Amino acid sequence: CRSVFQAISEYLLNLASTPPSNSLSSEVVFQAASSLIDIFSDETMPYDINFREGGYLQKLVGSGIDSLRKAIKAVDRKREGGRELRERGEETLENLRDFVKYRKKLKF
């Protein structure tokens, strides 16, 4: 069971840490980051071991935050739904920063 959670969380981490491109949209980056926050917001869950042992915090601090910034900048506000998507990206970035602060305070 641990390997399934590990595979899923590593996949999401990879998506959240990859800048958008022709094959990866900003929306996917935002959703992956949001999913990681939702999954690992409770450090008492047994699968949280994947977060700690996998060094996810360091990866999110490094490439995750940078990837989200690039994904936000890549959103065309003039396109239909672009303004809302950009707002969602900015909210996700703020949530990720708060999540990182929270996880750092835990000092695992």
Protein backbone atom coordinates (compact mmCIF):
# COMPACT_ATOMS: atom_id res chain seq x y z
CA CYS A 1 0.00 0.00 0.00
CA ARG A 2 2.86 2.34 0.82
CA SER A 3 4.28 1.97 -2.67
CA VAL A 4 0.97 3.04 -4.27
CA PHE A 5 0.84 6.21 -2.17
CA GLN A 6 4.50 6.81 -2.89
CA ALA A 7 4.02 6.43 -6.64
CA ILE A 8 1.02 8.76 -6.69
CA SER A 9 2.63 11.41 -4.53
CA GLU A 10 5.87 11.32 -6.53
CA TYR A 11 3.87 11.70 -9.75
CA LEU A 12 2.03 14.73 -8.32
CA LEU A 13 5.29 16.19 -7.01
CA ASN A 14 6.84 15.81 -10.44
CA LEU A 15 3.88 17.60 -12.07
CA ALA A 16 3.89 20.37 -9.45
CA SER A 17 7.64 20.89 -9.88
CA THR A 18 7.63 21.09 -13.68
CA PRO A 19 7.14 24.45 -15.38
CA PRO A 20 4.26 24.52 -17.86
CA SER A 21 4.98 23.65 -21.49
CA ASN A 22 3.08 22.70 -24.62
CA SER A 23 2.35 19.29 -23.12
CA LEU A 24 1.76 20.44 -19.52
CA SER A 25 -0.71 23.20 -18.82
CA SER A 26 -0.63 25.68 -15.96
CA GLU A 27 -3.91 24.23 -14.74
CA VAL A 28 -2.28 20.80 -14.28
CA VAL A 29 0.56 22.36 -12.27
CA PHE A 30 -1.94 24.18 -10.04
CA GLN A 31 -4.02 21.07 -9.47
CA ALA A 32 -1.00 18.88 -8.69
CA ALA A 33 0.27 21.37 -6.10
CA SER A 34 -3.19 21.67 -4.54
CA SER A 35 -3.51 17.90 -4.37
CA LEU A 36 -0.16 17.56 -2.59
CA ILE A 37 -1.22 20.15 -0.04
CA ASP A 38 -4.51 18.31 0.54
CA ILE A 39 -2.86 14.90 0.82
CA PHE A 40 -0.03 15.90 3.15
CA SER A 41 -1.74 18.52 5.30
CA ASP A 42 -2.17 15.98 8.11
CA GLU A 43 1.25 14.81 9.27
CA THR A 44 -0.31 12.12 11.50
CA MET A 45 -1.46 9.98 8.57
CA PRO A 46 0.59 6.82 7.97
CA TYR A 47 1.38 7.76 4.36
CA ASP A 48 3.03 11.01 5.50
CA ILE A 49 6.24 8.98 5.77
CA ASN A 50 6.49 9.36 1.98
CA PHE A 51 6.56 13.14 2.36
CA ARG A 52 9.29 13.10 4.99
CA GLU A 53 11.48 10.34 3.59
CA GLY A 54 11.09 11.57 0.01
CA GLY A 55 12.33 15.07 0.85
CA TYR A 56 9.17 16.59 -0.59
CA LEU A 57 9.44 19.74 1.50
CA GLN A 58 12.82 20.61 0.01
CA LYS A 59 11.55 19.86 -3.50
CA LEU A 60 8.48 22.05 -3.01
CA VAL A 61 10.57 24.89 -1.60
CA GLY A 62 12.91 24.69 -4.57
CA SER A 63 11.32 23.74 -7.84
CA GLY A 64 7.68 23.63 -6.68
CA ILE A 65 7.33 27.31 -5.83
CA ASP A 66 9.34 28.33 -8.89
CA SER A 67 7.21 26.13 -11.14
CA LEU A 68 4.01 27.67 -9.77
CA ARG A 69 5.31 31.18 -10.40
CA LYS A 70 6.12 30.27 -14.00
CA ALA A 71 2.73 28.59 -14.42
CA ILE A 72 0.97 31.74 -13.19
CA LYS A 73 2.93 33.92 -15.61
CA ALA A 74 2.11 31.55 -18.47
CA VAL A 75 -1.65 32.05 -18.06
CA ASP A 76 -3.08 34.35 -20.72
CA ARG A 77 -5.60 36.55 -18.90
CA LYS A 78 -7.15 37.60 -22.21
CA ARG A 79 -8.29 34.08 -23.06
CA GLU A 80 -11.64 32.86 -21.84
CA GLY A 81 -11.29 31.76 -18.22
CA GLY A 82 -7.74 33.07 -18.08
CA ARG A 83 -8.36 35.63 -15.37
CA GLU A 84 -10.01 33.06 -13.11
CA LEU A 85 -7.26 30.51 -13.79
CA ARG A 86 -4.58 33.04 -12.91
CA GLU A 87 -6.40 33.89 -9.66
CA ARG A 88 -6.56 30.18 -8.86
CA GLY A 89 -2.84 29.89 -9.51
CA GLU A 90 -2.07 32.81 -7.22
CA GLU A 91 -4.23 31.25 -4.51
CA THR A 92 -2.44 27.94 -4.96
CA LEU A 93 0.94 29.66 -4.65
CA GLU A 94 -0.16 31.38 -1.44
CA ASN A 95 -1.46 28.06 -0.08
CA LEU A 96 1.80 26.34 -0.99
CA ARG A 97 3.84 28.99 0.80
CA ASP A 98 1.65 28.63 3.91
CA PHE A 99 1.92 24.84 3.68
CA VAL A 100 5.72 25.02 3.48
CA LYS A 101 5.82 27.29 6.55
CA TYR A 102 3.56 24.87 8.42
CA ARG A 103 5.64 21.83 7.52
CA LYS A 104 8.89 23.61 8.45
CA LYS A 105 7.50 24.35 11.91
CA LEU A 106 6.89 20.62 12.46
CA LYS A 107 10.66 19.97 12.29
CA PHE A 108 10.50 16.32 11.34
